[in-house]
Amino acid sequence: MTLDEIQQGVLNHWLVQHRKALFRLTPVQIQSESMGSARLARQEMDSLIAIGLDKATAWSEAMWLVLQAPPTPEEVDEGAG
């Protein structure tokens, strides 16, 4: 999966499961945080592939990193400082 595909999956998950929390963030924060989650998942997936897992299994393990709620505005502000 590409970063863009993973990011889209993150955004879809947030929209379906965490709509209220998502709309507490600005559009710029949403894009930044969703791409950060996508990068983390992709790095985990690549690490799992490097130790011998196939792509499908690696993705099924790494996707749990992105199946969480978006950060709160306070968490985003803490990360920026």
PDB file of N, CA and C in Angstrom:
ATOM      1  N   MET A   1       0.838  -1.183   0.000  1.00  0.00           N
ATOM      2  CA  MET A   1       0.000   0.000   0.000  1.00  0.00           C
ATOM      3  C   MET A   1       0.881   1.244   0.000  1.00  0.00           C
ATOM      4  N   THR A   2       0.422   2.251  -0.704  1.00  0.00           N
ATOM      5  CA  THR A   2       1.163   3.504  -0.731  1.00  0.00           C
ATOM      6  C   THR A   2       0.775   4.354   0.480  1.00  0.00           C
ATOM      7  N   LEU A   3       1.586   5.366   0.760  1.00  0.00           N
ATOM      8  CA  LEU A   3       1.259   6.285   1.855  1.00  0.00           C
ATOM      9  C   LEU A   3      -0.088   6.947   1.628  1.00  0.00           C
ATOM     10  N   ASP A   4      -0.356   7.346   0.394  1.00  0.00           N
ATOM     11  CA  ASP A   4      -1.638   7.996   0.104  1.00  0.00           C
ATOM     12  C   ASP A   4      -2.821   7.058   0.366  1.00  0.00           C
ATOM     13  N   GLU A   5      -2.675   5.797   0.018  1.00  0.00           N
ATOM     14  CA  GLU A   5      -3.742   4.826   0.277  1.00  0.00           C
ATOM     15  C   GLU A   5      -3.946   4.620   1.774  1.00  0.00           C
ATOM     16  N   ILE A   6      -2.847   4.539   2.493  1.00  0.00           N
ATOM     17  CA  ILE A   6      -2.953   4.368   3.948  1.00  0.00           C
ATOM     18  C   ILE A   6      -3.583   5.607   4.570  1.00  0.00           C
ATOM     19  N   GLN A   7      -3.138   6.795   4.131  1.00  0.00           N
ATOM     20  CA  GLN A   7      -3.710   8.032   4.659  1.00  0.00           C
ATOM     21  C   GLN A   7      -5.213   8.091   4.390  1.00  0.00           C
ATOM     22  N   GLN A   8      -5.618   7.692   3.210  1.00  0.00           N
ATOM     23  CA  GLN A   8      -7.051   7.704   2.895  1.00  0.00           C
ATOM     24  C   GLN A   8      -7.808   6.747   3.811  1.00  0.00           C
ATOM     25  N   GLY A   9      -7.209   5.612   4.103  1.00  0.00           N
ATOM     26  CA  GLY A   9      -7.823   4.676   5.041  1.00  0.00           C
ATOM     27  C   GLY A   9      -7.945   5.273   6.434  1.00  0.00           C
ATOM     28  N   VAL A  10      -6.924   6.000   6.869  1.00  0.00           N
ATOM     29  CA  VAL A  10      -6.966   6.684   8.169  1.00  0.00           C
ATOM     30  C   VAL A  10      -8.111   7.687   8.184  1.00  0.00           C
ATOM     31  N   LEU A  11      -8.173   8.512   7.141  1.00  0.00           N
ATOM     32  CA  LEU A  11      -9.228   9.529   7.079  1.00  0.00           C
ATOM     33  C   LEU A  11     -10.614   8.896   7.050  1.00  0.00           C
ATOM     34  N   ASN A  12     -10.780   7.829   6.291  1.00  0.00           N
ATOM     35  CA  ASN A  12     -12.070   7.143   6.237  1.00  0.00           C
ATOM     36  C   ASN A  12     -12.451   6.598   7.611  1.00  0.00           C
ATOM     37  N   HIS A  13     -11.486   5.991   8.286  1.00  0.00           N
ATOM     38  CA  HIS A  13     -11.742   5.458   9.622  1.00  0.00           C
ATOM     39  C   HIS A  13     -12.158   6.577  10.568  1.00  0.00           C
ATOM     40  N   TRP A  14     -11.424   7.671  10.552  1.00  0.00           N
ATOM     41  CA  TRP A  14     -11.756   8.790  11.427  1.00  0.00           C
ATOM     42  C   TRP A  14     -13.148   9.344  11.129  1.00  0.00           C
ATOM     43  N   LEU A  15     -13.486   9.463   9.839  1.00  0.00           N
ATOM     44  CA  LEU A  15     -14.797   9.991   9.480  1.00  0.00           C
ATOM     45  C   LEU A  15     -15.938   9.082   9.932  1.00  0.00           C
ATOM     46  N   VAL A  16     -15.735   7.795   9.837  1.00  0.00           N
ATOM     47  CA  VAL A  16     -16.782   6.843  10.204  1.00  0.00           C
ATOM     48  C   VAL A  16     -16.865   6.637  11.715  1.00  0.00           C
ATOM     49  N   GLN A  17     -15.725   6.439  12.349  1.00  0.00           N
ATOM     50  CA  GLN A  17     -15.716   6.055  13.762  1.00  0.00           C
ATOM     51  C   GLN A  17     -15.554   7.211  14.742  1.00  0.00           C
ATOM     52  N   HIS A  18     -14.973   8.315  14.305  1.00  0.00           N
ATOM     53  CA  HIS A  18     -14.623   9.393  15.238  1.00  0.00           C
ATOM     54  C   HIS A  18     -14.962  10.769  14.670  1.00  0.00           C
ATOM     55  N   ARG A  19     -16.102  10.866  14.040  1.00  0.00           N
ATOM     56  CA  ARG A  19     -16.487  12.090  13.337  1.00  0.00           C
ATOM     57  C   ARG A  19     -16.422  13.330  14.229  1.00  0.00           C
ATOM     58  N   LYS A  20     -16.991  13.274  15.423  1.00  0.00           N
ATOM     59  CA  LYS A  20     -16.999  14.453  16.309  1.00  0.00           C
ATOM     60  C   LYS A  20     -15.589  14.868  16.697  1.00  0.00           C
ATOM     61  N   ALA A  21     -14.768  13.905  17.051  1.00  0.00           N
ATOM     62  CA  ALA A  21     -13.385  14.216  17.444  1.00  0.00           C
ATOM     63  C   ALA A  21     -12.615  14.787  16.266  1.00  0.00           C
ATOM     64  N   LEU A  22     -12.864  14.284  15.087  1.00  0.00           N
ATOM     65  CA  LEU A  22     -12.144  14.728  13.900  1.00  0.00           C
ATOM     66  C   LEU A  22     -12.412  16.197  13.613  1.00  0.00           C
ATOM     67  N   PHE A  23     -13.642  16.620  13.765  1.00  0.00           N
ATOM     68  CA  PHE A  23     -13.982  17.984  13.404  1.00  0.00           C
ATOM     69  C   PHE A  23     -13.599  19.011  14.456  1.00  0.00           C
ATOM     70  N   ARG A  24     -12.922  18.572  15.500  1.00  0.00           N
ATOM     71  CA  ARG A  24     -12.332  19.511  16.460  1.00  0.00           C
ATOM     72  C   ARG A  24     -10.965  19.984  15.968  1.00  0.00           C
ATOM     73  N   LEU A  25     -10.442  19.332  14.933  1.00  0.00           N
ATOM     74  CA  LEU A  25      -9.142  19.691  14.367  1.00  0.00           C
ATOM     75  C   LEU A  25      -9.334  20.551  13.118  1.00  0.00           C
ATOM     76  N   THR A  26      -8.329  21.344  12.804  1.00  0.00           N
ATOM     77  CA  THR A  26      -8.373  22.127  11.574  1.00  0.00           C
ATOM     78  C   THR A  26      -8.060  21.211  10.391  1.00  0.00           C
ATOM     79  N   PRO A  27      -8.432  21.604   9.182  1.00  0.00           N
ATOM     80  CA  PRO A  27      -8.090  20.788   8.013  1.00  0.00           C
ATOM     81  C   PRO A  27      -6.584  20.529   7.886  1.00  0.00           C
ATOM     82  N   VAL A  28      -5.773  21.512   8.206  1.00  0.00           N
ATOM     83  CA  VAL A  28      -4.319  21.331   8.143  1.00  0.00           C
ATOM     84  C   VAL A  28      -3.873  20.286   9.168  1.00  0.00           C
ATOM     85  N   GLN A  29      -4.425  20.353  10.371  1.00  0.00           N
ATOM     86  CA  GLN A  29      -4.093  19.362  11.401  1.00  0.00           C
ATOM     87  C   GLN A  29      -4.540  17.974  10.986  1.00  0.00           C
ATOM     88  N   ILE A  30      -5.707  17.870  10.404  1.00  0.00           N
ATOM     89  CA  ILE A  30      -6.225  16.571   9.963  1.00  0.00           C
ATOM     90  C   ILE A  30      -5.283  15.959   8.929  1.00  0.00           C
ATOM     91  N   GLN A  31      -4.876  16.744   7.952  1.00  0.00           N
ATOM     92  CA  GLN A  31      -3.969  16.241   6.916  1.00  0.00           C
ATOM     93  C   GLN A  31      -2.626  15.834   7.510  1.00  0.00           C
ATOM     94  N   SER A  32      -2.088  16.673   8.365  1.00  0.00           N
ATOM     95  CA  SER A  32      -0.784  16.396   8.970  1.00  0.00           C
ATOM     96  C   SER A  32      -0.816  15.157   9.849  1.00  0.00           C
ATOM     97  N   GLU A  33      -1.811  15.058  10.707  1.00  0.00           N
ATOM     98  CA  GLU A  33      -1.905  13.930  11.629  1.00  0.00           C
ATOM     99  C   GLU A  33      -2.226  12.627  10.907  1.00  0.00           C
ATOM    100  N   SER A  34      -3.079  12.692   9.891  1.00  0.00           N
ATOM    101  CA  SER A  34      -3.397  11.470   9.154  1.00  0.00           C
ATOM    102  C   SER A  34      -2.185  10.979   8.362  1.00  0.00           C
ATOM    103  N   MET A  35      -1.389  11.883   7.819  1.00  0.00           N
ATOM    104  CA  MET A  35      -0.179  11.461   7.119  1.00  0.00           C
ATOM    105  C   MET A  35       0.838  10.914   8.112  1.00  0.00           C
ATOM    106  N   GLY A  36       0.924  11.502   9.290  1.00  0.00           N
ATOM    107  CA  GLY A  36       1.815  10.965  10.317  1.00  0.00           C
ATOM    108  C   GLY A  36       1.437   9.541  10.694  1.00  0.00           C
ATOM    109  N   SER A  37       0.147   9.296  10.848  1.00  0.00           N
ATOM    110  CA  SER A  37      -0.323   7.946  11.153  1.00  0.00           C
ATOM    111  C   SER A  37      -0.010   6.995  10.006  1.00  0.00           C
ATOM    112  N   ALA A  38      -0.182   7.468   8.787  1.00  0.00           N
ATOM    113  CA  ALA A  38       0.107   6.640   7.612  1.00  0.00           C
ATOM    114  C   ALA A  38       1.592   6.285   7.548  1.00  0.00           C
ATOM    115  N   ARG A  39       2.439   7.250   7.824  1.00  0.00           N
ATOM    116  CA  ARG A  39       3.887   6.982   7.794  1.00  0.00           C
ATOM    117  C   ARG A  39       4.275   5.958   8.859  1.00  0.00           C
ATOM    118  N   LEU A  40       3.698   6.103  10.047  1.00  0.00           N
ATOM    119  CA  LEU A  40       3.984   5.164  11.132  1.00  0.00           C
ATOM    120  C   LEU A  40       3.563   3.750  10.732  1.00  0.00           C
ATOM    121  N   ALA A  41       2.380   3.621  10.181  1.00  0.00           N
ATOM    122  CA  ALA A  41       1.890   2.304   9.764  1.00  0.00           C
ATOM    123  C   ALA A  41       2.762   1.730   8.646  1.00  0.00           C
ATOM    124  N   ARG A  42       3.161   2.569   7.703  1.00  0.00           N
ATOM    125  CA  ARG A  42       3.998   2.084   6.597  1.00  0.00           C
ATOM    126  C   ARG A  42       5.366   1.635   7.103  1.00  0.00           C
ATOM    127  N   GLN A  43       5.944   2.382   8.050  1.00  0.00           N
ATOM    128  CA  GLN A  43       7.231   1.981   8.622  1.00  0.00           C
ATOM    129  C   GLN A  43       7.110   0.644   9.338  1.00  0.00           C
ATOM    130  N   GLU A  44       6.030   0.470  10.077  1.00  0.00           N
ATOM    131  CA  GLU A  44       5.812  -0.800  10.777  1.00  0.00           C
ATOM    132  C   GLU A  44       5.635  -1.927   9.770  1.00  0.00           C
ATOM    133  N   MET A  45       4.880  -1.664   8.728  1.00  0.00           N
ATOM    134  CA  MET A  45       4.659  -2.672   7.697  1.00  0.00           C
ATOM    135  C   MET A  45       5.983  -3.068   7.042  1.00  0.00           C
ATOM    136  N   ASP A  46       6.800  -2.075   6.702  1.00  0.00           N
ATOM    137  CA  ASP A  46       8.100  -2.357   6.088  1.00  0.00           C
ATOM    138  C   ASP A  46       8.994  -3.158   7.033  1.00  0.00           C
ATOM    139  N   SER A  47       8.956  -2.851   8.320  1.00  0.00           N
ATOM    140  CA  SER A  47       9.753  -3.591   9.306  1.00  0.00           C
ATOM    141  C   SER A  47       9.312  -5.044   9.381  1.00  0.00           C
ATOM    142  N   LEU A  48       8.008  -5.252   9.361  1.00  0.00           N
ATOM    143  CA  LEU A  48       7.487  -6.616   9.423  1.00  0.00           C
ATOM    144  C   LEU A  48       7.830  -7.406   8.156  1.00  0.00           C
ATOM    145  N   ILE A  49       7.789  -6.745   7.024  1.00  0.00           N
ATOM    146  CA  ILE A  49       8.178  -7.404   5.771  1.00  0.00           C
ATOM    147  C   ILE A  49       9.658  -7.765   5.820  1.00  0.00           C
ATOM    148  N   ALA A  50      10.466  -6.885   6.396  1.00  0.00           N
ATOM    149  CA  ALA A  50      11.909  -7.118   6.469  1.00  0.00           C
ATOM    150  C   ALA A  50      12.263  -8.342   7.312  1.00  0.00           C
ATOM    151  N   ILE A  51      11.394  -8.689   8.271  1.00  0.00           N
ATOM    152  CA  ILE A  51      11.682  -9.871   9.090  1.00  0.00           C
ATOM    153  C   ILE A  51      10.986 -11.123   8.570  1.00  0.00           C
ATOM    154  N   GLY A  52      10.366 -10.997   7.380  1.00  0.00           N
ATOM    155  CA  GLY A  52       9.870 -12.196   6.732  1.00  0.00           C
ATOM    156  C   GLY A  52       8.365 -12.334   6.564  1.00  0.00           C
ATOM    157  N   LEU A  53       7.573 -11.390   7.049  1.00  0.00           N
ATOM    158  CA  LEU A  53       6.135 -11.497   6.839  1.00  0.00           C
ATOM    159  C   LEU A  53       5.791 -11.100   5.413  1.00  0.00           C
ATOM    160  N   ASP A  54       4.733 -11.692   4.878  1.00  0.00           N
ATOM    161  CA  ASP A  54       4.268 -11.279   3.564  1.00  0.00           C
ATOM    162  C   ASP A  54       3.519  -9.956   3.696  1.00  0.00           C
ATOM    163  N   LYS A  55       3.284  -9.276   2.572  1.00  0.00           N
ATOM    164  CA  LYS A  55       2.680  -7.942   2.602  1.00  0.00           C
ATOM    165  C   LYS A  55       1.302  -7.925   3.251  1.00  0.00           C
ATOM    166  N   ALA A  56       0.483  -8.911   2.948  1.00  0.00           N
ATOM    167  CA  ALA A  56      -0.871  -8.935   3.508  1.00  0.00           C
ATOM    168  C   ALA A  56      -0.855  -9.096   5.022  1.00  0.00           C
ATOM    169  N   THR A  57      -0.009  -9.980   5.514  1.00  0.00           N
ATOM    170  CA  THR A  57       0.085 -10.186   6.957  1.00  0.00           C
ATOM    171  C   THR A  57       0.682  -8.958   7.630  1.00  0.00           C
ATOM    172  N   ALA A  58       1.696  -8.380   7.004  1.00  0.00           N
ATOM    173  CA  ALA A  58       2.312  -7.176   7.565  1.00  0.00           C
ATOM    174  C   ALA A  58       1.293  -6.048   7.651  1.00  0.00           C
ATOM    175  N   TRP A  59       0.476  -5.887   6.626  1.00  0.00           N
ATOM    176  CA  TRP A  59      -0.538  -4.837   6.659  1.00  0.00           C
ATOM    177  C   TRP A  59      -1.577  -5.126   7.742  1.00  0.00           C
ATOM    178  N   SER A  60      -1.997  -6.377   7.881  1.00  0.00           N
ATOM    179  CA  SER A  60      -3.008  -6.696   8.890  1.00  0.00           C
ATOM    180  C   SER A  60      -2.502  -6.403  10.299  1.00  0.00           C
ATOM    181  N   GLU A  61      -1.203  -6.512  10.503  1.00  0.00           N
ATOM    182  CA  GLU A  61      -0.611  -6.161  11.796  1.00  0.00           C
ATOM    183  C   GLU A  61      -0.430  -4.650  11.934  1.00  0.00           C
ATOM    184  N   ALA A  62       0.056  -4.004  10.900  1.00  0.00           N
ATOM    185  CA  ALA A  62       0.354  -2.571  10.968  1.00  0.00           C
ATOM    186  C   ALA A  62      -0.898  -1.711  10.988  1.00  0.00           C
ATOM    187  N   MET A  63      -1.987  -2.189  10.413  1.00  0.00           N
ATOM    188  CA  MET A  63      -3.189  -1.360  10.338  1.00  0.00           C
ATOM    189  C   MET A  63      -3.742  -1.005  11.707  1.00  0.00           C
ATOM    190  N   TRP A  64      -3.417  -1.789  12.728  1.00  0.00           N
ATOM    191  CA  TRP A  64      -3.904  -1.480  14.069  1.00  0.00           C
ATOM    192  C   TRP A  64      -3.337  -0.165  14.581  1.00  0.00           C
ATOM    193  N   LEU A  65      -2.208   0.259  14.017  1.00  0.00           N
ATOM    194  CA  LEU A  65      -1.640   1.546  14.407  1.00  0.00           C
ATOM    195  C   LEU A  65      -2.505   2.710  13.936  1.00  0.00           C
ATOM    196  N   VAL A  66      -3.231   2.519  12.841  1.00  0.00           N
ATOM    197  CA  VAL A  66      -4.049   3.605  12.311  1.00  0.00           C
ATOM    198  C   VAL A  66      -5.516   3.500  12.708  1.00  0.00           C
ATOM    199  N   LEU A  67      -5.908   2.400  13.295  1.00  0.00           N
ATOM    200  CA  LEU A  67      -7.308   2.234  13.706  1.00  0.00           C
ATOM    201  C   LEU A  67      -7.500   2.742  15.127  1.00  0.00           C
ATOM    202  N   GLN A  68      -7.220   3.997  15.299  1.00  0.00           N
ATOM    203  CA  GLN A  68      -7.407   4.642  16.581  1.00  0.00           C
ATOM    204  C   GLN A  68      -8.008   6.016  16.335  1.00  0.00           C
ATOM    205  N   ALA A  69      -8.422   6.654  17.390  1.00  0.00           N
ATOM    206  CA  ALA A  69      -9.036   7.968  17.262  1.00  0.00           C
ATOM    207  C   ALA A  69      -7.999   9.011  16.858  1.00  0.00           C
ATOM    208  N   PRO A  70      -8.444  10.064  16.178  1.00  0.00           N
ATOM    209  CA  PRO A  70      -7.509  11.146  15.873  1.00  0.00           C
ATOM    210  C   PRO A  70      -7.069  11.819  17.170  1.00  0.00           C
ATOM    211  N   PRO A  71      -5.933  12.488  17.146  1.00  0.00           N
ATOM    212  CA  PRO A  71      -5.493  13.169  18.360  1.00  0.00           C
ATOM    213  C   PRO A  71      -6.423  14.328  18.696  1.00  0.00           C
ATOM    214  N   THR A  72      -6.423  14.706  19.951  1.00  0.00           N
ATOM    215  CA  THR A  72      -7.196  15.882  20.359  1.00  0.00           C
ATOM    216  C   THR A  72      -6.419  17.131  19.951  1.00  0.00           C
ATOM    217  N   PRO A  73      -7.089  18.278  19.880  1.00  0.00           N
ATOM    218  CA  PRO A  73      -6.354  19.511  19.571  1.00  0.00           C
ATOM    219  C   PRO A  73      -5.218  19.776  20.569  1.00  0.00           C
ATOM    220  N   GLU A  74      -5.435  19.410  21.820  1.00  0.00           N
ATOM    221  CA  GLU A  74      -4.406  19.595  22.833  1.00  0.00           C
ATOM    222  C   GLU A  74      -3.175  18.732  22.541  1.00  0.00           C
ATOM    223  N   GLU A  75      -3.404  17.505  22.117  1.00  0.00           N
ATOM    224  CA  GLU A  75      -2.288  16.611  21.766  1.00  0.00           C
ATOM    225  C   GLU A  75      -1.536  17.132  20.551  1.00  0.00           C
ATOM    226  N   VAL A  76      -2.252  17.684  19.598  1.00  0.00           N
ATOM    227  CA  VAL A  76      -1.608  18.241  18.411  1.00  0.00           C
ATOM    228  C   VAL A  76      -0.746  19.429  18.814  1.00  0.00           C
ATOM    229  N   ASP A  77      -1.288  20.296  19.682  1.00  0.00           N
ATOM    230  CA  ASP A  77      -0.530  21.466  20.147  1.00  0.00           C
ATOM    231  C   ASP A  77       0.717  21.065  20.918  1.00  0.00           C
ATOM    232  N   GLU A  78       0.624  20.004  21.734  1.00  0.00           N
ATOM    233  CA  GLU A  78       1.787  19.520  22.481  1.00  0.00           C
ATOM    234  C   GLU A  78       2.878  19.039  21.543  1.00  0.00           C
ATOM    235  N   GLY A  79       2.480  18.372  20.468  1.00  0.00           N
ATOM    236  CA  GLY A  79       3.450  17.862  19.508  1.00  0.00           C
ATOM    237  C   GLY A  79       4.140  18.961  18.725  1.00  0.00           C
ATOM    238  N   ALA A  80       3.482  20.093  18.581  1.00  0.00           N
ATOM    239  CA  ALA A  80       4.055  21.203  17.814  1.00  0.00           C
ATOM    240  C   ALA A  80       5.053  22.005  18.634  1.00  0.00           C
ATOM    241  N   GLY A  81       4.960  21.882  19.950  1.00  0.00           N
ATOM    242  CA  GLY A  81       5.788  22.732  20.803  1.00  0.00           C
ATOM    243  C   GLY A  81       7.029  22.099  21.179  1.00  0.00           C
TER     244      GLY A  81
END
